[in-house]
């Protein structure tokens, strides 16, 4: 489980980082790059910037390499 800050700087717990990342890949990227769209989850809002996308990707890759 991992925490990230939403657009309002509220801490949000990501329970399944793989599903979260896959959703970003499927709905918030264009040709593998973040599209700056808004992802809403459980009342939390995240602008999917390239920086945010790379952070989630890094967390996901780190988790999967340590499993």
Protein backbone atom coordinates (compact mmCIF):
# COMPACT_ATOMS: atom_id res chain seq x y z
CA UNK A 1 0.00 0.00 0.00
CA UNK A 2 1.27 3.44 -0.92
CA UNK A 3 0.26 7.02 -0.18
CA UNK A 4 0.14 9.87 -2.70
CA UNK A 5 -1.09 13.44 -2.43
CA UNK A 6 -4.10 14.50 -4.46
CA UNK A 7 -4.64 17.90 -6.11
CA UNK A 8 -5.76 19.34 -2.75
CA UNK A 9 -2.68 17.95 -0.97
CA UNK A 10 -4.80 15.34 0.84
CA UNK A 11 -3.06 12.03 1.47
CA UNK A 12 -4.64 9.10 -0.39
CA UNK A 13 -3.88 5.42 0.22
CA UNK A 14 -3.47 3.39 -2.97
CA UNK A 15 -4.36 -0.15 -1.94
CA UNK A 16 -3.43 -1.83 -5.23
CA UNK A 17 -0.65 0.03 -7.03
CA UNK A 18 -0.75 -2.32 -10.03
CA UNK A 19 -4.44 -1.65 -10.71
CA UNK A 20 -3.94 2.08 -10.16
CA UNK A 21 -1.04 2.19 -12.62
CA UNK A 22 -2.89 0.05 -15.17
CA UNK A 23 -5.86 2.43 -15.01
CA UNK A 24 -3.54 5.39 -15.62
CA UNK A 25 -2.03 3.56 -18.59
CA UNK A 26 -5.45 2.72 -20.06
CA UNK A 27 -7.27 6.00 -19.52
CA UNK A 28 -4.81 8.82 -18.76
CA UNK A 29 -1.97 8.43 -21.25
CA UNK A 30 -1.45 9.00 -24.94
CA UNK A 31 1.28 6.95 -26.60
CA UNK A 32 2.77 6.11 -23.20
CA UNK A 33 2.89 9.73 -21.99
CA UNK A 34 0.66 11.34 -19.36
CA UNK A 35 -2.13 13.38 -20.92
CA UNK A 36 -2.72 15.82 -18.02
CA UNK A 37 -6.27 14.56 -17.55
CA UNK A 38 -7.96 14.32 -14.16
CA UNK A 39 -8.26 10.95 -12.46
CA UNK A 40 -10.92 10.74 -9.74
CA UNK A 41 -10.88 7.98 -7.18
CA UNK A 42 -13.05 7.81 -4.06
CA UNK A 43 -13.49 11.59 -3.99
CA UNK A 44 -9.78 12.31 -4.52
CA UNK A 45 -8.63 14.06 -7.71
CA UNK A 46 -5.25 13.67 -9.38
CA UNK A 47 -3.96 15.53 -12.42
CA UNK A 48 -2.03 12.91 -14.35
CA UNK A 49 1.08 14.87 -15.23
CA UNK A 50 4.19 13.18 -16.55
CA UNK A 51 5.81 13.65 -13.15
CA UNK A 52 2.88 12.00 -11.33
CA UNK A 53 2.74 9.19 -13.89
CA UNK A 54 6.47 8.49 -13.56
CA UNK A 55 6.19 8.46 -9.75
CA UNK A 56 3.41 5.86 -9.85
CA UNK A 57 5.31 3.85 -12.47
CA UNK A 58 8.43 3.88 -10.28
CA UNK A 59 6.47 2.73 -7.21
CA UNK A 60 4.80 0.01 -9.24
CA UNK A 61 8.07 -1.22 -10.75
CA UNK A 62 9.79 -1.16 -7.36
CA UNK A 63 6.99 -3.19 -5.77
CA UNK A 64 6.99 -5.72 -8.59
CA UNK A 65 10.78 -6.12 -8.49
CA UNK A 66 10.69 -6.73 -4.73
CA UNK A 67 7.88 -9.31 -4.84
